[in-house]
Amino acid sequence: MTAPIEDVSIGGDGIRLGQFLKFAGVLDSGGDVKEAIIDGFVTVNGEVDRRRGRQLQIGDVVRFEDRAVRVQA
């Protein structure tokens, strides 16, 4: 069973992956974000992405463990 996708409004057009994980409350610290991304535990639209600076767009779905969050304007 997959977790329901939570919509998180960023109030703009784009945000970086590392920033979004903290902003959405998926992870608490920058160190945790860095480790989770580098270790390949974070997916964007179903694919592992190891770039903290990846620019997310409206509609992108980010998953970590049992959380799934979608970028909204």
PDB file of N, CA and C in Angstrom:
ATOM      1  N   MET A   1       0.844  -1.186   0.000  1.00  0.00           N
ATOM      2  CA  MET A   1       0.000   0.000   0.000  1.00  0.00           C
ATOM      3  C   MET A   1       0.883   1.240   0.000  1.00  0.00           C
ATOM      4  N   THR A   2       0.618   2.143  -0.912  1.00  0.00           N
ATOM      5  CA  THR A   2       1.422   3.363  -0.970  1.00  0.00           C
ATOM      6  C   THR A   2       0.741   4.475  -0.185  1.00  0.00           C
ATOM      7  N   ALA A   3       1.569   5.349   0.345  1.00  0.00           N
ATOM      8  CA  ALA A   3       1.061   6.466   1.141  1.00  0.00           C
ATOM      9  C   ALA A   3       0.361   7.473   0.229  1.00  0.00           C
ATOM     10  N   PRO A   4      -0.673   8.141   0.750  1.00  0.00           N
ATOM     11  CA  PRO A   4      -1.301   9.189  -0.050  1.00  0.00           C
ATOM     12  C   PRO A   4      -0.307  10.323  -0.282  1.00  0.00           C
ATOM     13  N   ILE A   5      -0.453  10.992  -1.403  1.00  0.00           N
ATOM     14  CA  ILE A   5       0.450  12.097  -1.738  1.00  0.00           C
ATOM     15  C   ILE A   5      -0.069  13.373  -1.089  1.00  0.00           C
ATOM     16  N   GLU A   6       0.823  14.022  -0.336  1.00  0.00           N
ATOM     17  CA  GLU A   6       0.484  15.299   0.300  1.00  0.00           C
ATOM     18  C   GLU A   6       0.873  16.431  -0.649  1.00  0.00           C
ATOM     19  N   ASP A   7       0.002  17.405  -0.834  1.00  0.00           N
ATOM     20  CA  ASP A   7       0.334  18.584  -1.627  1.00  0.00           C
ATOM     21  C   ASP A   7       0.943  19.631  -0.704  1.00  0.00           C
ATOM     22  N   VAL A   8       2.088  20.181  -1.120  1.00  0.00           N
ATOM     23  CA  VAL A   8       2.762  21.216  -0.344  1.00  0.00           C
ATOM     24  C   VAL A   8       2.951  22.438  -1.239  1.00  0.00           C
ATOM     25  N   SER A   9       2.344  23.539  -0.845  1.00  0.00           N
ATOM     26  CA  SER A   9       2.441  24.776  -1.615  1.00  0.00           C
ATOM     27  C   SER A   9       3.744  25.497  -1.283  1.00  0.00           C
ATOM     28  N   ILE A  10       4.505  25.836  -2.336  1.00  0.00           N
ATOM     29  CA  ILE A  10       5.784  26.507  -2.125  1.00  0.00           C
ATOM     30  C   ILE A  10       5.685  28.005  -2.358  1.00  0.00           C
ATOM     31  N   GLY A  11       4.543  28.472  -2.831  1.00  0.00           N
ATOM     32  CA  GLY A  11       4.340  29.904  -3.024  1.00  0.00           C
ATOM     33  C   GLY A  11       5.179  30.494  -4.141  1.00  0.00           C
ATOM     34  N   GLY A  12       5.536  29.693  -5.127  1.00  0.00           N
ATOM     35  CA  GLY A  12       6.338  30.190  -6.249  1.00  0.00           C
ATOM     36  C   GLY A  12       6.388  29.157  -7.357  1.00  0.00           C
ATOM     37  N   ASP A  13       7.350  29.323  -8.247  1.00  0.00           N
ATOM     38  CA  ASP A  13       7.432  28.451  -9.414  1.00  0.00           C
ATOM     39  C   ASP A  13       8.339  27.249  -9.223  1.00  0.00           C
ATOM     40  N   GLY A  14       9.346  27.355  -8.371  1.00  0.00           N
ATOM     41  CA  GLY A  14      10.289  26.256  -8.222  1.00  0.00           C
ATOM     42  C   GLY A  14      11.012  26.323  -6.893  1.00  0.00           C
ATOM     43  N   ILE A  15      11.623  25.203  -6.539  1.00  0.00           N
ATOM     44  CA  ILE A  15      12.377  25.102  -5.290  1.00  0.00           C
ATOM     45  C   ILE A  15      13.381  23.970  -5.466  1.00  0.00           C
ATOM     46  N   ARG A  16      14.491  24.049  -4.779  1.00  0.00           N
ATOM     47  CA  ARG A  16      15.492  22.978  -4.875  1.00  0.00           C
ATOM     48  C   ARG A  16      15.094  21.797  -4.000  1.00  0.00           C
ATOM     49  N   LEU A  17      15.520  20.610  -4.407  1.00  0.00           N
ATOM     50  CA  LEU A  17      15.140  19.372  -3.728  1.00  0.00           C
ATOM     51  C   LEU A  17      15.464  19.407  -2.239  1.00  0.00           C
ATOM     52  N   GLY A  18      16.686  19.781  -1.886  1.00  0.00           N
ATOM     53  CA  GLY A  18      17.079  19.823  -0.474  1.00  0.00           C
ATOM     54  C   GLY A  18      16.222  20.781   0.331  1.00  0.00           C
ATOM     55  N   GLN A  19      15.951  21.944  -0.237  1.00  0.00           N
ATOM     56  CA  GLN A  19      15.119  22.933   0.445  1.00  0.00           C
ATOM     57  C   GLN A  19      13.700  22.411   0.635  1.00  0.00           C
ATOM     58  N   PHE A  20      13.191  21.750  -0.396  1.00  0.00           N
ATOM     59  CA  PHE A  20      11.815  21.263  -0.354  1.00  0.00           C
ATOM     60  C   PHE A  20      11.625  20.198   0.717  1.00  0.00           C
ATOM     61  N   LEU A  21      12.581  19.303   0.871  1.00  0.00           N
ATOM     62  CA  LEU A  21      12.471  18.247   1.887  1.00  0.00           C
ATOM     63  C   LEU A  21      12.371  18.840   3.292  1.00  0.00           C
ATOM     64  N   LYS A  22      13.118  19.916   3.543  1.00  0.00           N
ATOM     65  CA  LYS A  22      13.026  20.582   4.855  1.00  0.00           C
ATOM     66  C   LYS A  22      11.729  21.382   4.959  1.00  0.00           C
ATOM     67  N   PHE A  23      11.404  22.126   3.907  1.00  0.00           N
ATOM     68  CA  PHE A  23      10.215  22.983   3.902  1.00  0.00           C
ATOM     69  C   PHE A  23       8.942  22.166   4.123  1.00  0.00           C
ATOM     70  N   ALA A  24       8.885  20.987   3.497  1.00  0.00           N
ATOM     71  CA  ALA A  24       7.699  20.137   3.597  1.00  0.00           C
ATOM     72  C   ALA A  24       7.667  19.341   4.900  1.00  0.00           C
ATOM     73  N   GLY A  25       8.739  19.420   5.701  1.00  0.00           N
ATOM     74  CA  GLY A  25       8.787  18.712   6.967  1.00  0.00           C
ATOM     75  C   GLY A  25       9.085  17.231   6.840  1.00  0.00           C
ATOM     76  N   VAL A  26       9.608  16.834   5.676  1.00  0.00           N
ATOM     77  CA  VAL A  26       9.947  15.420   5.472  1.00  0.00           C
ATOM     78  C   VAL A  26      11.180  15.066   6.295  1.00  0.00           C
ATOM     79  N   LEU A  27      12.164  15.953   6.306  1.00  0.00           N
ATOM     80  CA  LEU A  27      13.373  15.795   7.121  1.00  0.00           C
ATOM     81  C   LEU A  27      13.613  17.092   7.875  1.00  0.00           C
ATOM     82  N   ASP A  28      14.274  16.990   9.037  1.00  0.00           N
ATOM     83  CA  ASP A  28      14.417  18.155   9.910  1.00  0.00           C
ATOM     84  C   ASP A  28      15.661  18.991   9.657  1.00  0.00           C
ATOM     85  N   SER A  29      16.769  18.348   9.329  1.00  0.00           N
ATOM     86  CA  SER A  29      18.016  19.113   9.240  1.00  0.00           C
ATOM     87  C   SER A  29      18.660  18.972   7.871  1.00  0.00           C
ATOM     88  N   GLY A  30      19.502  19.932   7.554  1.00  0.00           N
ATOM     89  CA  GLY A  30      20.244  19.898   6.300  1.00  0.00           C
ATOM     90  C   GLY A  30      21.140  18.683   6.206  1.00  0.00           C
ATOM     91  N   GLY A  31      21.702  18.264   7.336  1.00  0.00           N
ATOM     92  CA  GLY A  31      22.554  17.084   7.349  1.00  0.00           C
ATOM     93  C   GLY A  31      21.769  15.825   7.012  1.00  0.00           C
ATOM     94  N   ASP A  32      20.569  15.712   7.575  1.00  0.00           N
ATOM     95  CA  ASP A  32      19.718  14.561   7.271  1.00  0.00           C
ATOM     96  C   ASP A  32      19.318  14.554   5.801  1.00  0.00           C
ATOM     97  N   VAL A  33      19.000  15.733   5.276  1.00  0.00           N
ATOM     98  CA  VAL A  33      18.621  15.860   3.864  1.00  0.00           C
ATOM     99  C   VAL A  33      19.772  15.406   2.977  1.00  0.00           C
ATOM    100  N   LYS A  34      20.961  15.930   3.246  1.00  0.00           N
ATOM    101  CA  LYS A  34      22.138  15.597   2.438  1.00  0.00           C
ATOM    102  C   LYS A  34      22.384  14.088   2.433  1.00  0.00           C
ATOM    103  N   GLU A  35      22.348  13.479   3.617  1.00  0.00           N
ATOM    104  CA  GLU A  35      22.611  12.046   3.742  1.00  0.00           C
ATOM    105  C   GLU A  35      21.566  11.211   3.001  1.00  0.00           C
ATOM    106  N   ALA A  36      20.286  11.550   3.163  1.00  0.00           N
ATOM    107  CA  ALA A  36      19.209  10.784   2.523  1.00  0.00           C
ATOM    108  C   ALA A  36      19.314  10.859   1.003  1.00  0.00           C
ATOM    109  N   ILE A  37      19.635  12.049   0.484  1.00  0.00           N
ATOM    110  CA  ILE A  37      19.738  12.218  -0.970  1.00  0.00           C
ATOM    111  C   ILE A  37      20.960  11.480  -1.508  1.00  0.00           C
ATOM    112  N   ILE A  38      22.110  11.679  -0.891  1.00  0.00           N
ATOM    113  CA  ILE A  38      23.346  11.042  -1.356  1.00  0.00           C
ATOM    114  C   ILE A  38      23.241   9.518  -1.297  1.00  0.00           C
ATOM    115  N   ASP A  39      22.567   8.999  -0.266  1.00  0.00           N
ATOM    116  CA  ASP A  39      22.435   7.550  -0.103  1.00  0.00           C
ATOM    117  C   ASP A  39      21.377   6.939  -1.026  1.00  0.00           C
ATOM    118  N   GLY A  40      20.679   7.788  -1.799  1.00  0.00           N
ATOM    119  CA  GLY A  40      19.718   7.279  -2.776  1.00  0.00           C
ATOM    120  C   GLY A  40      18.358   6.917  -2.213  1.00  0.00           C
ATOM    121  N   PHE A  41      18.003   7.479  -1.049  1.00  0.00           N
ATOM    122  CA  PHE A  41      16.719   7.164  -0.429  1.00  0.00           C
ATOM    123  C   PHE A  41      15.587   8.087  -0.877  1.00  0.00           C
ATOM    124  N   VAL A  42      15.898   9.102  -1.690  1.00  0.00           N
ATOM    125  CA  VAL A  42      14.905  10.066  -2.134  1.00  0.00           C
ATOM    126  C   VAL A  42      14.658   9.867  -3.632  1.00  0.00           C
ATOM    127  N   THR A  43      13.371   9.828  -4.002  1.00  0.00           N
ATOM    128  CA  THR A  43      13.042   9.761  -5.429  1.00  0.00           C
ATOM    129  C   THR A  43      12.245  10.992  -5.834  1.00  0.00           C
ATOM    130  N   VAL A  44      12.421  11.379  -7.082  1.00  0.00           N
ATOM    131  CA  VAL A  44      11.645  12.461  -7.679  1.00  0.00           C
ATOM    132  C   VAL A  44      10.959  11.859  -8.903  1.00  0.00           C
ATOM    133  N   ASN A  45       9.638  11.888  -8.896  1.00  0.00           N
ATOM    134  CA  ASN A  45       8.854  11.311  -9.988  1.00  0.00           C
ATOM    135  C   ASN A  45       9.252   9.862 -10.263  1.00  0.00           C
ATOM    136  N   GLY A  46       9.524   9.114  -9.187  1.00  0.00           N
ATOM    137  CA  GLY A  46       9.806   7.697  -9.301  1.00  0.00           C
ATOM    138  C   GLY A  46      11.247   7.319  -9.595  1.00  0.00           C
ATOM    139  N   GLU A  47      12.133   8.302  -9.730  1.00  0.00           N
ATOM    140  CA  GLU A  47      13.540   8.010 -10.020  1.00  0.00           C
ATOM    141  C   GLU A  47      14.439   8.573  -8.927  1.00  0.00           C
ATOM    142  N   VAL A  48      15.445   7.784  -8.531  1.00  0.00           N
ATOM    143  CA  VAL A  48      16.412   8.257  -7.536  1.00  0.00           C
ATOM    144  C   VAL A  48      17.155   9.455  -8.111  1.00  0.00           C
ATOM    145  N   ASP A  49      17.277  10.505  -7.314  1.00  0.00           N
ATOM    146  CA  ASP A  49      18.046  11.686  -7.718  1.00  0.00           C
ATOM    147  C   ASP A  49      18.961  12.058  -6.573  1.00  0.00           C
ATOM    148  N   ARG A  50      20.259  12.093  -6.839  1.00  0.00           N
ATOM    149  CA  ARG A  50      21.244  12.361  -5.778  1.00  0.00           C
ATOM    150  C   ARG A  50      21.741  13.804  -5.808  1.00  0.00           C
ATOM    151  N   ARG A  51      20.960  14.716  -6.374  1.00  0.00           N
ATOM    152  CA  ARG A  51      21.364  16.125  -6.447  1.00  0.00           C
ATOM    153  C   ARG A  51      20.480  16.966  -5.519  1.00  0.00           C
ATOM    154  N   ARG A  52      21.083  17.449  -4.429  1.00  0.00           N
ATOM    155  CA  ARG A  52      20.325  18.317  -3.513  1.00  0.00           C
ATOM    156  C   ARG A  52      19.834  19.567  -4.221  1.00  0.00           C
ATOM    157  N   GLY A  53      20.609  20.034  -5.186  1.00  0.00           N
ATOM    158  CA  GLY A  53      20.275  21.274  -5.875  1.00  0.00           C
ATOM    159  C   GLY A  53      19.345  21.112  -7.056  1.00  0.00           C
ATOM    160  N   ARG A  54      18.821  19.911  -7.265  1.00  0.00           N
ATOM    161  CA  ARG A  54      17.902  19.714  -8.386  1.00  0.00           C
ATOM    162  C   ARG A  54      16.722  20.667  -8.258  1.00  0.00           C
ATOM    163  N   GLN A  55      16.419  21.356  -9.333  1.00  0.00           N
ATOM    164  CA  GLN A  55      15.308  22.303  -9.339  1.00  0.00           C
ATOM    165  C   GLN A  55      14.005  21.537  -9.557  1.00  0.00           C
ATOM    166  N   LEU A  56      13.119  21.593  -8.587  1.00  0.00           N
ATOM    167  CA  LEU A  56      11.823  20.936  -8.710  1.00  0.00           C
ATOM    168  C   LEU A  56      10.840  21.878  -9.394  1.00  0.00           C
ATOM    169  N   GLN A  57       9.882  21.295 -10.075  1.00  0.00           N
ATOM    170  CA  GLN A  57       8.845  22.062 -10.760  1.00  0.00           C
ATOM    171  C   GLN A  57       7.483  21.728 -10.143  1.00  0.00           C
ATOM    172  N   ILE A  58       6.510  22.558 -10.395  1.00  0.00           N
ATOM    173  CA  ILE A  58       5.152  22.316  -9.920  1.00  0.00           C
ATOM    174  C   ILE A  58       4.693  20.956 -10.457  1.00  0.00           C
ATOM    175  N   GLY A  59       4.155  20.127  -9.578  1.00  0.00           N
ATOM    176  CA  GLY A  59       3.653  18.820  -9.963  1.00  0.00           C
ATOM    177  C   GLY A  59       4.621  17.673  -9.697  1.00  0.00           C
ATOM    178  N   ASP A  60       5.908  17.985  -9.433  1.00  0.00           N
ATOM    179  CA  ASP A  60       6.870  16.927  -9.129  1.00  0.00           C
ATOM    180  C   ASP A  60       6.483  16.241  -7.813  1.00  0.00           C
ATOM    181  N   VAL A  61       6.657  14.918  -7.769  1.00  0.00           N
ATOM    182  CA  VAL A  61       6.356  14.142  -6.558  1.00  0.00           C
ATOM    183  C   VAL A  61       7.665  13.615  -5.980  1.00  0.00           C
ATOM    184  N   VAL A  62       7.913  13.969  -4.719  1.00  0.00           N
ATOM    185  CA  VAL A  62       9.127  13.563  -4.014  1.00  0.00           C
ATOM    186  C   VAL A  62       8.737  12.528  -2.963  1.00  0.00           C
ATOM    187  N   ARG A  63       9.481  11.414  -2.928  1.00  0.00           N
ATOM    188  CA  ARG A  63       9.202  10.358  -1.956  1.00  0.00           C
ATOM    189  C   ARG A  63      10.432  10.084  -1.104  1.00  0.00           C
ATOM    190  N   PHE A  64      10.184   9.877   0.187  1.00  0.00           N
ATOM    191  CA  PHE A  64      11.221   9.455   1.128  1.00  0.00           C
ATOM    192  C   PHE A  64      10.545   8.564   2.156  1.00  0.00           C
ATOM    193  N   GLU A  65      11.026   7.334   2.267  1.00  0.00           N
ATOM    194  CA  GLU A  65      10.441   6.337   3.165  1.00  0.00           C
ATOM    195  C   GLU A  65       8.946   6.234   2.884  1.00  0.00           C
ATOM    196  N   ASP A  66       8.101   6.494   3.888  1.00  0.00           N
ATOM    197  CA  ASP A  66       6.662   6.331   3.678  1.00  0.00           C
ATOM    198  C   ASP A  66       5.943   7.642   3.381  1.00  0.00           C
ATOM    199  N   ARG A  67       6.695   8.683   3.042  1.00  0.00           N
ATOM    200  CA  ARG A  67       6.079   9.990   2.733  1.00  0.00           C
ATOM    201  C   ARG A  67       6.198  10.306   1.255  1.00  0.00           C
ATOM    202  N   ALA A  68       5.135  10.856   0.703  1.00  0.00           N
ATOM    203  CA  ALA A  68       5.135  11.321  -0.678  1.00  0.00           C
ATOM    204  C   ALA A  68       4.536  12.723  -0.679  1.00  0.00           C
ATOM    205  N   VAL A  69       5.297  13.673  -1.225  1.00  0.00           N
ATOM    206  CA  VAL A  69       4.835  15.066  -1.253  1.00  0.00           C
ATOM    207  C   VAL A  69       4.943  15.606  -2.680  1.00  0.00           C
ATOM    208  N   ARG A  70       3.914  16.368  -3.071  1.00  0.00           N
ATOM    209  CA  ARG A  70       3.864  16.939  -4.419  1.00  0.00           C
ATOM    210  C   ARG A  70       4.039  18.452  -4.334  1.00  0.00           C
ATOM    211  N   VAL A  71       4.879  18.989  -5.190  1.00  0.00           N
ATOM    212  CA  VAL A  71       5.136  20.427  -5.240  1.00  0.00           C
ATOM    213  C   VAL A  71       3.928  21.124  -5.870  1.00  0.00           C
ATOM    214  N   GLN A  72       3.377  22.092  -5.139  1.00  0.00           N
ATOM    215  CA  GLN A  72       2.273  22.910  -5.640  1.00  0.00           C
ATOM    216  C   GLN A  72       2.646  24.382  -5.556  1.00  0.00           C
ATOM    217  N   ALA A  73       2.039  25.176  -6.426  1.00  0.00           N
ATOM    218  CA  ALA A  73       2.325  26.624  -6.456  1.00  0.00           C
ATOM    219  C   ALA A  73       1.775  27.303  -5.219  1.00  0.00           C
TER     220      ALA A  73
END
